[in-house]
């Protein structure tokens, strides 16, 4: 069974570039350590609201460009769904 972990990635900032969302990213996250592009964004109620297209900006002030999956802009914090990887069991003889 696959476990899904929610990680806080930031907050909605404004609409930009043909109705894409610009989000203020969480500077505590190292976006280079894991691939966030293509992951689903979830709001505080657990509704899927968008999909990450790109991470832009510098390390201290990251921004996220997202494709909206709903008509209205999200309120509050946004999270990303990450599947937790489980190691394979090694069988001993």
PDB file of N, CA and C in Angstrom:
ATOM      1  N   UNK A   1       0.839  -1.175   0.000  1.00  0.00           N
ATOM      2  CA  UNK A   1       0.000   0.000   0.000  1.00  0.00           C
ATOM      3  C   UNK A   1       0.891   1.248   0.000  1.00  0.00           C
ATOM      4  N   UNK A   2       0.555   2.209  -0.836  1.00  0.00           N
ATOM      5  CA  UNK A   2       1.344   3.422  -0.951  1.00  0.00           C
ATOM      6  C   UNK A   2       0.836   4.484   0.012  1.00  0.00           C
ATOM      7  N   UNK A   3       1.747   5.038   0.793  1.00  0.00           N
ATOM      8  CA  UNK A   3       1.392   6.120   1.700  1.00  0.00           C
ATOM      9  C   UNK A   3       1.615   7.446   0.995  1.00  0.00           C
ATOM     10  N   UNK A   4       0.724   8.387   1.249  1.00  0.00           N
ATOM     11  CA  UNK A   4       0.857   9.723   0.678  1.00  0.00           C
ATOM     12  C   UNK A   4       1.121  10.705   1.812  1.00  0.00           C
ATOM     13  N   UNK A   5       2.170  11.490   1.632  1.00  0.00           N
ATOM     14  CA  UNK A   5       2.563  12.485   2.631  1.00  0.00           C
ATOM     15  C   UNK A   5       2.250  13.870   2.062  1.00  0.00           C
ATOM     16  N   UNK A   6       1.684  14.756   2.898  1.00  0.00           N
ATOM     17  CA  UNK A   6       1.414  16.124   2.475  1.00  0.00           C
ATOM     18  C   UNK A   6       2.510  17.037   2.999  1.00  0.00           C
ATOM     19  N   UNK A   7       3.087  17.845   2.102  1.00  0.00           N
ATOM     20  CA  UNK A   7       4.145  18.777   2.460  1.00  0.00           C
ATOM     21  C   UNK A   7       3.674  20.181   2.112  1.00  0.00           C
ATOM     22  N   UNK A   8       3.774  21.111   3.079  1.00  0.00           N
ATOM     23  CA  UNK A   8       3.354  22.493   2.834  1.00  0.00           C
ATOM     24  C   UNK A   8       4.338  23.154   1.873  1.00  0.00           C
ATOM     25  N   UNK A   9       3.831  23.642   0.724  1.00  0.00           N
ATOM     26  CA  UNK A   9       4.708  24.260  -0.267  1.00  0.00           C
ATOM     27  C   UNK A   9       4.537  25.761  -0.378  1.00  0.00           C
ATOM     28  N   UNK A  10       3.438  26.326   0.084  1.00  0.00           N
ATOM     29  CA  UNK A  10       3.296  27.768   0.004  1.00  0.00           C
ATOM     30  C   UNK A  10       1.863  28.247   0.004  1.00  0.00           C
ATOM     31  N   UNK A  11       1.684  29.494  -0.475  1.00  0.00           N
ATOM     32  CA  UNK A  11       0.367  30.127  -0.507  1.00  0.00           C
ATOM     33  C   UNK A  11       0.132  30.778  -1.864  1.00  0.00           C
ATOM     34  N   UNK A  12      -1.136  30.914  -2.232  1.00  0.00           N
ATOM     35  CA  UNK A  12      -1.528  31.550  -3.481  1.00  0.00           C
ATOM     36  C   UNK A  12      -1.146  33.024  -3.450  1.00  0.00           C
ATOM     37  N   UNK A  13      -0.564  33.527  -4.562  1.00  0.00           N
ATOM     38  CA  UNK A  13      -0.170  34.925  -4.642  1.00  0.00           C
ATOM     39  C   UNK A  13      -1.042  35.686  -5.638  1.00  0.00           C
ATOM     40  N   UNK A  14      -1.088  35.231  -6.915  1.00  0.00           N
ATOM     41  CA  UNK A  14      -1.907  35.907  -7.918  1.00  0.00           C
ATOM     42  C   UNK A  14      -2.019  35.080  -9.187  1.00  0.00           C
ATOM     43  N   UNK A  15      -2.978  35.460 -10.054  1.00  0.00           N
ATOM     44  CA  UNK A  15      -3.111  34.864 -11.381  1.00  0.00           C
ATOM     45  C   UNK A  15      -2.093  35.506 -12.310  1.00  0.00           C
ATOM     46  N   UNK A  16      -1.523  34.722 -13.214  1.00  0.00           N
ATOM     47  CA  UNK A  16      -0.546  35.234 -14.159  1.00  0.00           C
ATOM     48  C   UNK A  16      -0.470  34.315 -15.374  1.00  0.00           C
ATOM     49  N   UNK A  17       0.115  34.770 -16.447  1.00  0.00           N
ATOM     50  CA  UNK A  17       0.401  33.960 -17.637  1.00  0.00           C
ATOM     51  C   UNK A  17      -0.768  33.088 -18.104  1.00  0.00           C
ATOM     52  N   UNK A  18      -1.765  33.694 -18.679  1.00  0.00           N
ATOM     53  CA  UNK A  18      -2.913  32.952 -19.229  1.00  0.00           C
ATOM     54  C   UNK A  18      -3.616  32.084 -18.193  1.00  0.00           C
ATOM     55  N   UNK A  19      -3.970  32.692 -17.067  1.00  0.00           N
ATOM     56  CA  UNK A  19      -4.715  32.020 -16.000  1.00  0.00           C
ATOM     57  C   UNK A  19      -3.935  30.930 -15.271  1.00  0.00           C
ATOM     58  N   UNK A  20      -2.638  31.032 -15.198  1.00  0.00           N
ATOM     59  CA  UNK A  20      -1.850  30.155 -14.343  1.00  0.00           C
ATOM     60  C   UNK A  20      -1.757  30.843 -12.981  1.00  0.00           C
ATOM     61  N   UNK A  21      -1.445  30.073 -11.953  1.00  0.00           N
ATOM     62  CA  UNK A  21      -1.312  30.623 -10.610  1.00  0.00           C
ATOM     63  C   UNK A  21       0.157  30.815 -10.275  1.00  0.00           C
ATOM     64  N   UNK A  22       0.454  31.922  -9.606  1.00  0.00           N
ATOM     65  CA  UNK A  22       1.776  32.137  -9.050  1.00  0.00           C
ATOM     66  C   UNK A  22       1.643  31.980  -7.541  1.00  0.00           C
ATOM     67  N   UNK A  23       2.433  31.090  -6.979  1.00  0.00           N
ATOM     68  CA  UNK A  23       2.394  30.797  -5.547  1.00  0.00           C
ATOM     69  C   UNK A  23       3.700  31.240  -4.906  1.00  0.00           C
ATOM     70  N   UNK A  24       3.602  31.733  -3.692  1.00  0.00           N
ATOM     71  CA  UNK A  24       4.790  32.074  -2.898  1.00  0.00           C
ATOM     72  C   UNK A  24       5.248  30.784  -2.235  1.00  0.00           C
ATOM     73  N   UNK A  25       6.427  30.300  -2.613  1.00  0.00           N
ATOM     74  CA  UNK A  25       6.930  29.028  -2.111  1.00  0.00           C
ATOM     75  C   UNK A  25       7.445  29.105  -0.686  1.00  0.00           C
ATOM     76  N   UNK A  26       7.530  27.962  -0.050  1.00  0.00           N
ATOM     77  CA  UNK A  26       8.050  27.835   1.304  1.00  0.00           C
ATOM     78  C   UNK A  26       9.577  27.795   1.236  1.00  0.00           C
ATOM     79  N   UNK A  27      10.287  28.797   1.784  1.00  0.00           N
ATOM     80  CA  UNK A  27      11.750  28.812   1.688  1.00  0.00           C
ATOM     81  C   UNK A  27      12.447  27.731   2.515  1.00  0.00           C
ATOM     82  N   UNK A  28      11.724  27.049   3.383  1.00  0.00           N
ATOM     83  CA  UNK A  28      12.323  25.992   4.206  1.00  0.00           C
ATOM     84  C   UNK A  28      12.495  24.685   3.437  1.00  0.00           C
ATOM     85  N   UNK A  29      11.868  24.588   2.260  1.00  0.00           N
ATOM     86  CA  UNK A  29      11.922  23.356   1.469  1.00  0.00           C
ATOM     87  C   UNK A  29      13.051  23.444   0.458  1.00  0.00           C
ATOM     88  N   UNK A  30      13.814  22.356   0.334  1.00  0.00           N
ATOM     89  CA  UNK A  30      14.842  22.262  -0.698  1.00  0.00           C
ATOM     90  C   UNK A  30      14.184  21.637  -1.933  1.00  0.00           C
ATOM     91  N   UNK A  31      13.781  22.480  -2.871  1.00  0.00           N
ATOM     92  CA  UNK A  31      13.059  22.008  -4.052  1.00  0.00           C
ATOM     93  C   UNK A  31      13.942  21.231  -5.015  1.00  0.00           C
ATOM     94  N   UNK A  32      15.266  21.302  -4.843  1.00  0.00           N
ATOM     95  CA  UNK A  32      16.161  20.568  -5.730  1.00  0.00           C
ATOM     96  C   UNK A  32      16.363  19.117  -5.289  1.00  0.00           C
ATOM     97  N   UNK A  33      16.017  18.796  -4.052  1.00  0.00           N
ATOM     98  CA  UNK A  33      16.240  17.436  -3.549  1.00  0.00           C
ATOM     99  C   UNK A  33      15.196  16.441  -4.046  1.00  0.00           C
ATOM    100  N   UNK A  34      14.024  16.916  -4.401  1.00  0.00           N
ATOM    101  CA  UNK A  34      12.963  16.042  -4.900  1.00  0.00           C
ATOM    102  C   UNK A  34      12.253  16.744  -6.053  1.00  0.00           C
ATOM    103  N   UNK A  35      11.771  15.984  -6.999  1.00  0.00           N
ATOM    104  CA  UNK A  35      11.089  16.540  -8.162  1.00  0.00           C
ATOM    105  C   UNK A  35       9.656  16.910  -7.791  1.00  0.00           C
ATOM    106  N   UNK A  36       9.342  18.219  -7.799  1.00  0.00           N
ATOM    107  CA  UNK A  36       8.007  18.690  -7.471  1.00  0.00           C
ATOM    108  C   UNK A  36       7.171  18.971  -8.716  1.00  0.00           C
ATOM    109  N   UNK A  37       7.809  19.105  -9.867  1.00  0.00           N
ATOM    110  CA  UNK A  37       7.102  19.390 -11.109  1.00  0.00           C
ATOM    111  C   UNK A  37       6.169  18.227 -11.450  1.00  0.00           C
ATOM    112  N   UNK A  38       4.908  18.559 -11.742  1.00  0.00           N
ATOM    113  CA  UNK A  38       3.920  17.537 -12.081  1.00  0.00           C
ATOM    114  C   UNK A  38       3.129  17.004 -10.901  1.00  0.00           C
ATOM    115  N   UNK A  39       3.487  17.408  -9.697  1.00  0.00           N
ATOM    116  CA  UNK A  39       2.784  16.939  -8.494  1.00  0.00           C
ATOM    117  C   UNK A  39       1.491  17.725  -8.284  1.00  0.00           C
ATOM    118  N   UNK A  40       0.545  17.122  -7.594  1.00  0.00           N
ATOM    119  CA  UNK A  40      -0.775  17.708  -7.358  1.00  0.00           C
ATOM    120  C   UNK A  40      -0.756  18.595  -6.112  1.00  0.00           C
ATOM    121  N   UNK A  41      -1.394  19.767  -6.221  1.00  0.00           N
ATOM    122  CA  UNK A  41      -1.539  20.680  -5.088  1.00  0.00           C
ATOM    123  C   UNK A  41      -2.867  20.442  -4.400  1.00  0.00           C
ATOM    124  N   UNK A  42      -2.849  20.467  -3.078  1.00  0.00           N
ATOM    125  CA  UNK A  42      -4.035  20.226  -2.263  1.00  0.00           C
ATOM    126  C   UNK A  42      -4.212  21.401  -1.315  1.00  0.00           C
ATOM    127  N   UNK A  43      -5.467  21.841  -1.106  1.00  0.00           N
ATOM    128  CA  UNK A  43      -5.708  22.933  -0.150  1.00  0.00           C
ATOM    129  C   UNK A  43      -5.871  22.372   1.260  1.00  0.00           C
ATOM    130  N   UNK A  44      -6.181  23.241   2.210  1.00  0.00           N
ATOM    131  CA  UNK A  44      -6.284  22.830   3.618  1.00  0.00           C
ATOM    132  C   UNK A  44      -7.430  21.857   3.871  1.00  0.00           C
ATOM    133  N   UNK A  45      -8.464  21.869   3.021  1.00  0.00           N
ATOM    134  CA  UNK A  45      -9.596  20.948   3.174  1.00  0.00           C
ATOM    135  C   UNK A  45      -9.352  19.605   2.503  1.00  0.00           C
ATOM    136  N   UNK A  46      -8.232  19.452   1.797  1.00  0.00           N
ATOM    137  CA  UNK A  46      -7.914  18.200   1.131  1.00  0.00           C
ATOM    138  C   UNK A  46      -8.395  18.127  -0.307  1.00  0.00           C
ATOM    139  N   UNK A  47      -8.877  19.240  -0.865  1.00  0.00           N
ATOM    140  CA  UNK A  47      -9.339  19.268  -2.254  1.00  0.00           C
ATOM    141  C   UNK A  47      -8.162  19.479  -3.191  1.00  0.00           C
ATOM    142  N   UNK A  48      -8.127  18.730  -4.283  1.00  0.00           N
ATOM    143  CA  UNK A  48      -7.093  18.914  -5.285  1.00  0.00           C
ATOM    144  C   UNK A  48      -7.416  20.169  -6.081  1.00  0.00           C
ATOM    145  N   UNK A  49      -6.515  21.147  -6.047  1.00  0.00           N
ATOM    146  CA  UNK A  49      -6.800  22.446  -6.653  1.00  0.00           C
ATOM    147  C   UNK A  49      -5.863  22.806  -7.797  1.00  0.00           C
ATOM    148  N   UNK A  50      -4.730  22.163  -7.937  1.00  0.00           N
ATOM    149  CA  UNK A  50      -3.800  22.533  -8.993  1.00  0.00           C
ATOM    150  C   UNK A  50      -2.698  21.521  -9.187  1.00  0.00           C
ATOM    151  N   UNK A  51      -1.851  21.818 -10.184  1.00  0.00           N
ATOM    152  CA  UNK A  51      -0.732  20.945 -10.515  1.00  0.00           C
ATOM    153  C   UNK A  51       0.497  21.828 -10.737  1.00  0.00           C
ATOM    154  N   UNK A  52       1.627  21.466 -10.161  1.00  0.00           N
ATOM    155  CA  UNK A  52       2.848  22.263 -10.255  1.00  0.00           C
ATOM    156  C   UNK A  52       3.444  22.136 -11.651  1.00  0.00           C
ATOM    157  N   UNK A  53       3.690  23.305 -12.281  1.00  0.00           N
ATOM    158  CA  UNK A  53       4.319  23.337 -13.600  1.00  0.00           C
ATOM    159  C   UNK A  53       5.820  23.599 -13.502  1.00  0.00           C
ATOM    160  N   UNK A  54       6.208  24.510 -12.605  1.00  0.00           N
ATOM    161  CA  UNK A  54       7.622  24.875 -12.515  1.00  0.00           C
ATOM    162  C   UNK A  54       7.912  25.557 -11.180  1.00  0.00           C
ATOM    163  N   UNK A  55       9.165  25.448 -10.741  1.00  0.00           N
ATOM    164  CA  UNK A  55       9.652  26.164  -9.560  1.00  0.00           C
ATOM    165  C   UNK A  55      10.610  27.237 -10.091  1.00  0.00           C
ATOM    166  N   UNK A  56      10.358  28.508  -9.733  1.00  0.00           N
ATOM    167  CA  UNK A  56      11.186  29.600 -10.231  1.00  0.00           C
ATOM    168  C   UNK A  56      11.668  30.461  -9.061  1.00  0.00           C
ATOM    169  N   UNK A  57      12.642  31.298  -9.321  1.00  0.00           N
ATOM    170  CA  UNK A  57      13.162  32.169  -8.277  1.00  0.00           C
ATOM    171  C   UNK A  57      14.414  31.592  -7.658  1.00  0.00           C
ATOM    172  N   UNK A  58      14.890  32.249  -6.619  1.00  0.00           N
ATOM    173  CA  UNK A  58      16.100  31.782  -5.957  1.00  0.00           C
ATOM    174  C   UNK A  58      15.756  30.959  -4.717  1.00  0.00           C
ATOM    175  N   UNK A  59      16.775  30.511  -4.022  1.00  0.00           N
ATOM    176  CA  UNK A  59      16.584  29.623  -2.880  1.00  0.00           C
ATOM    177  C   UNK A  59      15.876  30.325  -1.724  1.00  0.00           C
ATOM    178  N   UNK A  60      16.210  31.605  -1.490  1.00  0.00           N
ATOM    179  CA  UNK A  60      15.608  32.335  -0.376  1.00  0.00           C
ATOM    180  C   UNK A  60      14.159  32.721  -0.637  1.00  0.00           C
ATOM    181  N   UNK A  61      13.785  32.963  -1.898  1.00  0.00           N
ATOM    182  CA  UNK A  61      12.420  33.354  -2.255  1.00  0.00           C
ATOM    183  C   UNK A  61      11.921  32.551  -3.450  1.00  0.00           C
ATOM    184  N   UNK A  62      11.560  31.285  -3.229  1.00  0.00           N
ATOM    185  CA  UNK A  62      11.070  30.477  -4.357  1.00  0.00           C
ATOM    186  C   UNK A  62       9.620  30.814  -4.704  1.00  0.00           C
ATOM    187  N   UNK A  63       9.302  30.684  -5.968  1.00  0.00           N
ATOM    188  CA  UNK A  63       7.934  30.846  -6.455  1.00  0.00           C
ATOM    189  C   UNK A  63       7.564  29.606  -7.248  1.00  0.00           C
ATOM    190  N   UNK A  64       6.276  29.296  -7.252  1.00  0.00           N
ATOM    191  CA  UNK A  64       5.786  28.106  -7.938  1.00  0.00           C
ATOM    192  C   UNK A  64       4.764  28.544  -8.980  1.00  0.00           C
ATOM    193  N   UNK A  65       4.917  28.050 -10.199  1.00  0.00           N
ATOM    194  CA  UNK A  65       3.941  28.282 -11.248  1.00  0.00           C
ATOM    195  C   UNK A  65       3.065  27.039 -11.324  1.00  0.00           C
ATOM    196  N   UNK A  66       1.740  27.217 -11.208  1.00  0.00           N
ATOM    197  CA  UNK A  66       0.834  26.072 -11.134  1.00  0.00           C
ATOM    198  C   UNK A  66      -0.312  26.210 -12.119  1.00  0.00           C
ATOM    199  N   UNK A  67      -0.789  25.074 -12.592  1.00  0.00           N
ATOM    200  CA  UNK A  67      -1.954  24.996 -13.462  1.00  0.00           C
ATOM    201  C   UNK A  67      -3.176  24.752 -12.581  1.00  0.00           C
ATOM    202  N   UNK A  68      -4.165  25.647 -12.602  1.00  0.00           N
ATOM    203  CA  UNK A  68      -5.341  25.458 -11.736  1.00  0.00           C
ATOM    204  C   UNK A  68      -6.227  24.313 -12.219  1.00  0.00           C
ATOM    205  N   UNK A  69      -6.762  23.561 -11.261  1.00  0.00           N
ATOM    206  CA  UNK A  69      -7.730  22.506 -11.544  1.00  0.00           C
ATOM    207  C   UNK A  69      -9.135  22.913 -11.130  1.00  0.00           C
ATOM    208  N   UNK A  70      -9.270  24.113 -10.532  1.00  0.00           N
ATOM    209  CA  UNK A  70     -10.572  24.617 -10.124  1.00  0.00           C
ATOM    210  C   UNK A  70     -10.702  26.062 -10.611  1.00  0.00           C
ATOM    211  N   UNK A  71     -11.913  26.564 -10.604  1.00  0.00           N
ATOM    212  CA  UNK A  71     -12.181  27.908 -11.107  1.00  0.00           C
ATOM    213  C   UNK A  71     -11.719  29.014 -10.163  1.00  0.00           C
ATOM    214  N   UNK A  72     -11.913  28.807  -8.859  1.00  0.00           N
ATOM    215  CA  UNK A  72     -11.602  29.874  -7.910  1.00  0.00           C
ATOM    216  C   UNK A  72     -10.214  29.707  -7.322  1.00  0.00           C
ATOM    217  N   UNK A  73      -9.646  30.826  -6.917  1.00  0.00           N
ATOM    218  CA  UNK A  73      -8.315  30.827  -6.314  1.00  0.00           C
ATOM    219  C   UNK A  73      -8.370  30.208  -4.920  1.00  0.00           C
ATOM    220  N   UNK A  74      -7.363  29.437  -4.544  1.00  0.00           N
ATOM    221  CA  UNK A  74      -7.362  28.801  -3.221  1.00  0.00           C
ATOM    222  C   UNK A  74      -7.093  29.798  -2.106  1.00  0.00           C
ATOM    223  N   UNK A  75      -7.589  29.496  -0.940  1.00  0.00           N
ATOM    224  CA  UNK A  75      -7.366  30.309   0.263  1.00  0.00           C
ATOM    225  C   UNK A  75      -6.484  29.523   1.225  1.00  0.00           C
ATOM    226  N   UNK A  76      -5.590  30.193   1.893  1.00  0.00           N
ATOM    227  CA  UNK A  76      -4.762  29.544   2.905  1.00  0.00           C
ATOM    228  C   UNK A  76      -3.570  28.821   2.321  1.00  0.00           C
ATOM    229  N   UNK A  77      -3.039  27.906   3.106  1.00  0.00           N
ATOM    230  CA  UNK A  77      -1.834  27.181   2.731  1.00  0.00           C
ATOM    231  C   UNK A  77      -2.140  26.092   1.712  1.00  0.00           C
ATOM    232  N   UNK A  78      -1.139  25.798   0.885  1.00  0.00           N
ATOM    233  CA  UNK A  78      -1.258  24.740  -0.107  1.00  0.00           C
ATOM    234  C   UNK A  78      -0.211  23.674   0.166  1.00  0.00           C
ATOM    235  N   UNK A  79      -0.581  22.445  -0.120  1.00  0.00           N
ATOM    236  CA  UNK A  79       0.272  21.294   0.147  1.00  0.00           C
ATOM    237  C   UNK A  79       0.461  20.506  -1.136  1.00  0.00           C
ATOM    238  N   UNK A  80       1.513  19.724  -1.194  1.00  0.00           N
ATOM    239  CA  UNK A  80       1.760  18.850  -2.328  1.00  0.00           C
ATOM    240  C   UNK A  80       1.682  17.402  -1.844  1.00  0.00           C
ATOM    241  N   UNK A  81       1.121  16.542  -2.687  1.00  0.00           N
ATOM    242  CA  UNK A  81       1.014  15.115  -2.367  1.00  0.00           C
ATOM    243  C   UNK A  81       2.281  14.412  -2.818  1.00  0.00           C
ATOM    244  N   UNK A  82       2.995  13.807  -1.887  1.00  0.00           N
ATOM    245  CA  UNK A  82       4.201  13.049  -2.213  1.00  0.00           C
ATOM    246  C   UNK A  82       4.000  11.604  -1.800  1.00  0.00           C
ATOM    247  N   UNK A  83       4.308  10.700  -2.707  1.00  0.00           N
ATOM    248  CA  UNK A  83       4.220   9.277  -2.381  1.00  0.00           C
ATOM    249  C   UNK A  83       5.489   8.880  -1.657  1.00  0.00           C
ATOM    250  N   UNK A  84       5.308   8.234  -0.508  1.00  0.00           N
ATOM    251  CA  UNK A  84       6.466   7.780   0.262  1.00  0.00           C
ATOM    252  C   UNK A  84       6.999   6.505  -0.349  1.00  0.00           C
ATOM    253  N   UNK A  85       8.297   6.506  -0.560  1.00  0.00           N
ATOM    254  CA  UNK A  85       8.925   5.316  -1.119  1.00  0.00           C
ATOM    255  C   UNK A  85       9.262   4.361   0.006  1.00  0.00           C
ATOM    256  N   UNK A  86       8.962   3.113  -0.231  1.00  0.00           N
ATOM    257  CA  UNK A  86       9.280   2.089   0.750  1.00  0.00           C
ATOM    258  C   UNK A  86      10.362   1.204   0.162  1.00  0.00           C
ATOM    259  N   UNK A  87      11.324   0.886   0.965  1.00  0.00           N
ATOM    260  CA  UNK A  87      12.410   0.031   0.503  1.00  0.00           C
ATOM    261  C   UNK A  87      11.945  -1.404   0.304  1.00  0.00           C
ATOM    262  N   UNK A  88      12.587  -2.074  -0.613  1.00  0.00           N
ATOM    263  CA  UNK A  88      12.257  -3.481  -0.850  1.00  0.00           C
ATOM    264  C   UNK A  88      12.893  -4.337   0.236  1.00  0.00           C
ATOM    265  N   UNK A  89      12.175  -5.369   0.620  1.00  0.00           N
ATOM    266  CA  UNK A  89      12.706  -6.288   1.619  1.00  0.00           C
ATOM    267  C   UNK A  89      13.746  -7.195   0.965  1.00  0.00           C
ATOM    268  N   UNK A  90      14.816  -7.397   1.671  1.00  0.00           N
ATOM    269  CA  UNK A  90      15.844  -8.301   1.183  1.00  0.00           C
ATOM    270  C   UNK A  90      15.649  -9.652   1.856  1.00  0.00           C
ATOM    271  N   UNK A  91      15.540 -10.658   1.061  1.00  0.00           N
ATOM    272  CA  UNK A  91      15.331 -11.995   1.577  1.00  0.00           C
ATOM    273  C   UNK A  91      16.673 -12.677   1.788  1.00  0.00           C
ATOM    274  N   UNK A  92      16.785 -13.282   2.931  1.00  0.00           N
ATOM    275  CA  UNK A  92      18.009 -14.018   3.239  1.00  0.00           C
ATOM    276  C   UNK A  92      17.734 -15.502   3.116  1.00  0.00           C
ATOM    277  N   UNK A  93      18.734 -16.202   2.683  1.00  0.00           N
ATOM    278  CA  UNK A  93      18.586 -17.660   2.560  1.00  0.00           C
ATOM    279  C   UNK A  93      19.191 -18.364   3.722  1.00  0.00           C
TER     280      UNK A  93
END
